[in-house]
PDB file of N, CA and C in Angstrom:
ATOM      1  N   MET A   1       0.841  -1.182   0.000  1.00  0.00           N
ATOM      2  CA  MET A   1       0.000   0.000   0.000  1.00  0.00           C
ATOM      3  C   MET A   1       0.886   1.245   0.000  1.00  0.00           C
ATOM      4  N   GLU A   2       0.443   2.283  -0.717  1.00  0.00           N
ATOM      5  CA  GLU A   2       1.201   3.533  -0.836  1.00  0.00           C
ATOM      6  C   GLU A   2       1.202   4.280   0.490  1.00  0.00           C
ATOM      7  N   ALA A   3       2.283   4.963   0.792  1.00  0.00           N
ATOM      8  CA  ALA A   3       2.387   5.730   2.035  1.00  0.00           C
ATOM      9  C   ALA A   3       1.675   7.075   1.861  1.00  0.00           C
ATOM     10  N   TYR A   4       0.897   7.448   2.857  1.00  0.00           N
ATOM     11  CA  TYR A   4       0.172   8.712   2.842  1.00  0.00           C
ATOM     12  C   TYR A   4       0.642   9.577   4.008  1.00  0.00           C
ATOM     13  N   ASP A   5       0.385  10.880   3.895  1.00  0.00           N
ATOM     14  CA  ASP A   5       0.778  11.792   4.966  1.00  0.00           C
ATOM     15  C   ASP A   5      -0.128  11.636   6.183  1.00  0.00           C
ATOM     16  N   MET A   6      -1.392  11.306   5.930  1.00  0.00           N
ATOM     17  CA  MET A   6      -2.316  11.073   7.030  1.00  0.00           C
ATOM     18  C   MET A   6      -3.444  10.180   6.523  1.00  0.00           C
ATOM     19  N   THR A   7      -3.893   9.266   7.360  1.00  0.00           N
ATOM     20  CA  THR A   7      -4.991   8.382   7.014  1.00  0.00           C
ATOM     21  C   THR A   7      -5.983   8.375   8.167  1.00  0.00           C
ATOM     22  N   ILE A   8      -7.274   8.526   7.823  1.00  0.00           N
ATOM     23  CA  ILE A   8      -8.335   8.510   8.813  1.00  0.00           C
ATOM     24  C   ILE A   8      -9.327   7.428   8.413  1.00  0.00           C
ATOM     25  N   LYS A   9      -9.807   6.670   9.363  1.00  0.00           N
ATOM     26  CA  LYS A   9     -10.801   5.643   9.089  1.00  0.00           C
ATOM     27  C   LYS A   9     -12.085   6.053   9.795  1.00  0.00           C
ATOM     28  N   VAL A  10     -13.171   6.166   9.027  1.00  0.00           N
ATOM     29  CA  VAL A  10     -14.482   6.516   9.557  1.00  0.00           C
ATOM     30  C   VAL A  10     -15.434   5.406   9.141  1.00  0.00           C
ATOM     31  N   GLY A  11     -15.804   4.583  10.080  1.00  0.00           N
ATOM     32  CA  GLY A  11     -16.646   3.431   9.746  1.00  0.00           C
ATOM     33  C   GLY A  11     -15.903   2.524   8.788  1.00  0.00           C
ATOM     34  N   LYS A  12     -16.510   2.252   7.641  1.00  0.00           N
ATOM     35  CA  LYS A  12     -15.886   1.394   6.632  1.00  0.00           C
ATOM     36  C   LYS A  12     -15.132   2.205   5.577  1.00  0.00           C
ATOM     37  N   THR A  13     -15.063   3.511   5.783  1.00  0.00           N
ATOM     38  CA  THR A  13     -14.413   4.400   4.817  1.00  0.00           C
ATOM     39  C   THR A  13     -13.029   4.795   5.306  1.00  0.00           C
ATOM     40  N   THR A  14     -12.036   4.703   4.419  1.00  0.00           N
ATOM     41  CA  THR A  14     -10.683   5.146   4.722  1.00  0.00           C
ATOM     42  C   THR A  14     -10.390   6.389   3.890  1.00  0.00           C
ATOM     43  N   ILE A  15      -9.976   7.462   4.550  1.00  0.00           N
ATOM     44  CA  ILE A  15      -9.656   8.722   3.888  1.00  0.00           C
ATOM     45  C   ILE A  15      -8.149   8.917   3.976  1.00  0.00           C
ATOM     46  N   CYS A  16      -7.492   9.030   2.827  1.00  0.00           N
ATOM     47  CA  CYS A  16      -6.038   9.181   2.773  1.00  0.00           C
ATOM     48  C   CYS A  16      -5.696  10.581   2.272  1.00  0.00           C
ATOM     49  N   PHE A  17      -4.785  11.235   2.967  1.00  0.00           N
ATOM     50  CA  PHE A  17      -4.351  12.580   2.605  1.00  0.00           C
ATOM     51  C   PHE A  17      -2.918  12.540   2.113  1.00  0.00           C
ATOM     52  N   VAL A  18      -2.665  13.292   1.043  1.00  0.00           N
ATOM     53  CA  VAL A  18      -1.320  13.404   0.488  1.00  0.00           C
ATOM     54  C   VAL A  18      -0.961  14.883   0.463  1.00  0.00           C
ATOM     55  N   ALA A  19       0.138  15.240   1.089  1.00  0.00           N
ATOM     56  CA  ALA A  19       0.584  16.630   1.103  1.00  0.00           C
ATOM     57  C   ALA A  19       1.129  17.002  -0.272  1.00  0.00           C
ATOM     58  N   PRO A  20       0.946  18.251  -0.677  1.00  0.00           N
ATOM     59  CA  PRO A  20       1.503  18.671  -1.967  1.00  0.00           C
ATOM     60  C   PRO A  20       3.029  18.642  -1.932  1.00  0.00           C
ATOM     61  N   SER A  21       3.595  18.483  -3.099  1.00  0.00           N
ATOM     62  CA  SER A  21       5.054  18.493  -3.192  1.00  0.00           C
ATOM     63  C   SER A  21       5.585  19.882  -2.843  1.00  0.00           C
ATOM     64  N   SER A  22       6.856  19.991  -2.638  1.00  0.00           N
ATOM     65  CA  SER A  22       7.459  21.281  -2.294  1.00  0.00           C
ATOM     66  C   SER A  22       7.198  22.299  -3.395  1.00  0.00           C
ATOM     67  N   VAL A  23       6.837  23.497  -2.984  1.00  0.00           N
ATOM     68  CA  VAL A  23       6.523  24.564  -3.917  1.00  0.00           C
ATOM     69  C   VAL A  23       7.385  25.768  -3.548  1.00  0.00           C
ATOM     70  N   THR A  24       7.995  26.372  -4.550  1.00  0.00           N
ATOM     71  CA  THR A  24       8.837  27.541  -4.292  1.00  0.00           C
ATOM     72  C   THR A  24       7.975  28.773  -4.013  1.00  0.00           C
ATOM     73  N   ASP A  25       8.580  29.777  -3.423  1.00  0.00           N
ATOM     74  CA  ASP A  25       7.866  31.022  -3.134  1.00  0.00           C
ATOM     75  C   ASP A  25       7.337  31.664  -4.413  1.00  0.00           C
ATOM     76  N   SER A  26       8.100  31.598  -5.491  1.00  0.00           N
ATOM     77  CA  SER A  26       7.651  32.203  -6.745  1.00  0.00           C
ATOM     78  C   SER A  26       6.460  31.443  -7.324  1.00  0.00           C
ATOM     79  N   GLU A  27       6.420  30.127  -7.144  1.00  0.00           N
ATOM     80  CA  GLU A  27       5.276  29.341  -7.614  1.00  0.00           C
ATOM     81  C   GLU A  27       4.028  29.669  -6.789  1.00  0.00           C
ATOM     82  N   ILE A  28       4.209  29.837  -5.488  1.00  0.00           N
ATOM     83  CA  ILE A  28       3.088  30.212  -4.630  1.00  0.00           C
ATOM     84  C   ILE A  28       2.539  31.568  -5.057  1.00  0.00           C
ATOM     85  N   GLU A  29       3.424  32.512  -5.312  1.00  0.00           N
ATOM     86  CA  GLU A  29       3.017  33.848  -5.747  1.00  0.00           C
ATOM     87  C   GLU A  29       2.255  33.784  -7.073  1.00  0.00           C
ATOM     88  N   ARG A  30       2.739  32.975  -8.011  1.00  0.00           N
ATOM     89  CA  ARG A  30       2.072  32.825  -9.314  1.00  0.00           C
ATOM     90  C   ARG A  30       0.676  32.230  -9.136  1.00  0.00           C
ATOM     91  N   ILE A  31       0.560  31.206  -8.302  1.00  0.00           N
ATOM     92  CA  ILE A  31      -0.726  30.558  -8.066  1.00  0.00           C
ATOM     93  C   ILE A  31      -1.705  31.534  -7.417  1.00  0.00           C
ATOM     94  N   LEU A  32      -1.239  32.283  -6.426  1.00  0.00           N
ATOM     95  CA  LEU A  32      -2.105  33.279  -5.787  1.00  0.00           C
ATOM     96  C   LEU A  32      -2.551  34.350  -6.772  1.00  0.00           C
ATOM     97  N   ASP A  33      -1.639  34.784  -7.638  1.00  0.00           N
ATOM     98  CA  ASP A  33      -2.004  35.764  -8.665  1.00  0.00           C
ATOM     99  C   ASP A  33      -3.096  35.212  -9.569  1.00  0.00           C
ATOM    100  N   GLU A  34      -2.990  33.942  -9.954  1.00  0.00           N
ATOM    101  CA  GLU A  34      -4.007  33.317 -10.811  1.00  0.00           C
ATOM    102  C   GLU A  34      -5.352  33.227 -10.092  1.00  0.00           C
ATOM    103  N   PHE A  35      -5.335  32.881  -8.800  1.00  0.00           N
ATOM    104  CA  PHE A  35      -6.575  32.838  -8.021  1.00  0.00           C
ATOM    105  C   PHE A  35      -7.220  34.216  -7.947  1.00  0.00           C
ATOM    106  N   HIS A  36      -6.403  35.248  -7.671  1.00  0.00           N
ATOM    107  CA  HIS A  36      -6.942  36.603  -7.583  1.00  0.00           C
ATOM    108  C   HIS A  36      -7.505  37.055  -8.924  1.00  0.00           C
ATOM    109  N   PHE A  37      -6.804  36.748 -10.003  1.00  0.00           N
ATOM    110  CA  PHE A  37      -7.273  37.120 -11.338  1.00  0.00           C
ATOM    111  C   PHE A  37      -8.618  36.466 -11.615  1.00  0.00           C
ATOM    112  N   ALA A  38      -8.747  35.175 -11.310  1.00  0.00           N
ATOM    113  CA  ALA A  38     -10.003  34.449 -11.536  1.00  0.00           C
ATOM    114  C   ALA A  38     -11.116  35.013 -10.654  1.00  0.00           C
ATOM    115  N   GLY A  39     -10.795  35.310  -9.409  1.00  0.00           N
ATOM    116  CA  GLY A  39     -11.798  35.867  -8.502  1.00  0.00           C
ATOM    117  C   GLY A  39     -12.329  37.200  -8.978  1.00  0.00           C
ATOM    118  N   TRP A  40     -11.441  38.076  -9.414  1.00  0.00           N
ATOM    119  CA  TRP A  40     -11.878  39.383  -9.911  1.00  0.00           C
ATOM    120  C   TRP A  40     -12.702  39.234 -11.188  1.00  0.00           C
ATOM    121  N   ALA A  41     -12.335  38.303 -12.049  1.00  0.00           N
ATOM    122  CA  ALA A  41     -13.103  38.078 -13.272  1.00  0.00           C
ATOM    123  C   ALA A  41     -14.531  37.634 -12.932  1.00  0.00           C
ATOM    124  N   ILE A  42     -14.656  36.767 -11.933  1.00  0.00           N
ATOM    125  CA  ILE A  42     -15.981  36.307 -11.505  1.00  0.00           C
ATOM    126  C   ILE A  42     -16.791  37.470 -10.938  1.00  0.00           C
ATOM    127  N   LEU A  43     -16.155  38.273 -10.069  1.00  0.00           N
ATOM    128  CA  LEU A  43     -16.859  39.415  -9.483  1.00  0.00           C
ATOM    129  C   LEU A  43     -17.307  40.420 -10.540  1.00  0.00           C
ATOM    130  N   GLU A  44     -16.461  40.681 -11.516  1.00  0.00           N
ATOM    131  CA  GLU A  44     -16.815  41.616 -12.584  1.00  0.00           C
ATOM    132  C   GLU A  44     -17.982  41.084 -13.404  1.00  0.00           C
ATOM    133  N   GLU A  45     -17.984  39.781 -13.671  1.00  0.00           N
ATOM    134  CA  GLU A  45     -19.084  39.185 -14.434  1.00  0.00           C
ATOM    135  C   GLU A  45     -20.401  39.287 -13.657  1.00  0.00           C
ATOM    136  N   ILE A  46     -20.360  39.033 -12.361  1.00  0.00           N
ATOM    137  CA  ILE A  46     -21.560  39.148 -11.529  1.00  0.00           C
ATOM    138  C   ILE A  46     -22.056  40.588 -11.524  1.00  0.00           C
ATOM    139  N   GLN A  47     -21.127  41.531 -11.384  1.00  0.00           N
ATOM    140  CA  GLN A  47     -21.498  42.939 -11.371  1.00  0.00           C
ATOM    141  C   GLN A  47     -22.141  43.344 -12.693  1.00  0.00           C
ATOM    142  N   GLU A  48     -21.585  42.908 -13.822  1.00  0.00           N
ATOM    143  CA  GLU A  48     -22.153  43.238 -15.126  1.00  0.00           C
ATOM    144  C   GLU A  48     -23.564  42.668 -15.266  1.00  0.00           C
ATOM    145  N   LYS A  49     -23.783  41.458 -14.792  1.00  0.00           N
ATOM    146  CA  LYS A  49     -25.115  40.845 -14.869  1.00  0.00           C
ATOM    147  C   LYS A  49     -26.112  41.608 -14.002  1.00  0.00           C
ATOM    148  N   GLU A  50     -25.674  42.022 -12.808  1.00  0.00           N
ATOM    149  CA  GLU A  50     -26.543  42.781 -11.915  1.00  0.00           C
ATOM    150  C   GLU A  50     -26.887  44.141 -12.531  1.00  0.00           C
ATOM    151  N   GLU A  51     -25.895  44.783 -13.138  1.00  0.00           N
ATOM    152  CA  GLU A  51     -26.133  46.099 -13.760  1.00  0.00           C
ATOM    153  C   GLU A  51     -27.067  45.983 -14.949  1.00  0.00           C
ATOM    154  N   SER A  52     -26.967  44.890 -15.703  1.00  0.00           N
ATOM    155  CA  SER A  52     -27.863  44.718 -16.853  1.00  0.00           C
ATOM    156  C   SER A  52     -29.302  44.467 -16.414  1.00  0.00           C
ATOM    157  N   LYS A  53     -29.507  43.926 -15.214  1.00  0.00           N
ATOM    158  CA  LYS A  53     -30.856  43.724 -14.688  1.00  0.00           C
ATOM    159  C   LYS A  53     -31.485  45.055 -14.314  1.00  0.00           C
ATOM    160  N   ILE A  54     -30.662  45.989 -13.835  1.00  0.00           N
ATOM    161  CA  ILE A  54     -31.147  47.287 -13.397  1.00  0.00           C
ATOM    162  C   ILE A  54     -31.575  48.130 -14.601  1.00  0.00           C
ATOM    163  N   LEU A  55     -30.830  48.054 -15.690  1.00  0.00           N
ATOM    164  CA  LEU A  55     -31.112  48.851 -16.873  1.00  0.00           C
ATOM    165  C   LEU A  55     -32.269  48.278 -17.576  1.00  0.00           C
TER     166      LEU A  55
END
């Protein structure tokens, strides 16, 4: 069986957790930038839809 970082057993269910591989600070920054970009795009789309309902 493969080694996991943490394993929990709940009844007949086994939940296995695997930690992410090492990530550099620059990779973390890039990922956060992508999340923020996606979040703002979603907010702008919601705002545009709300504004079109008002008009």
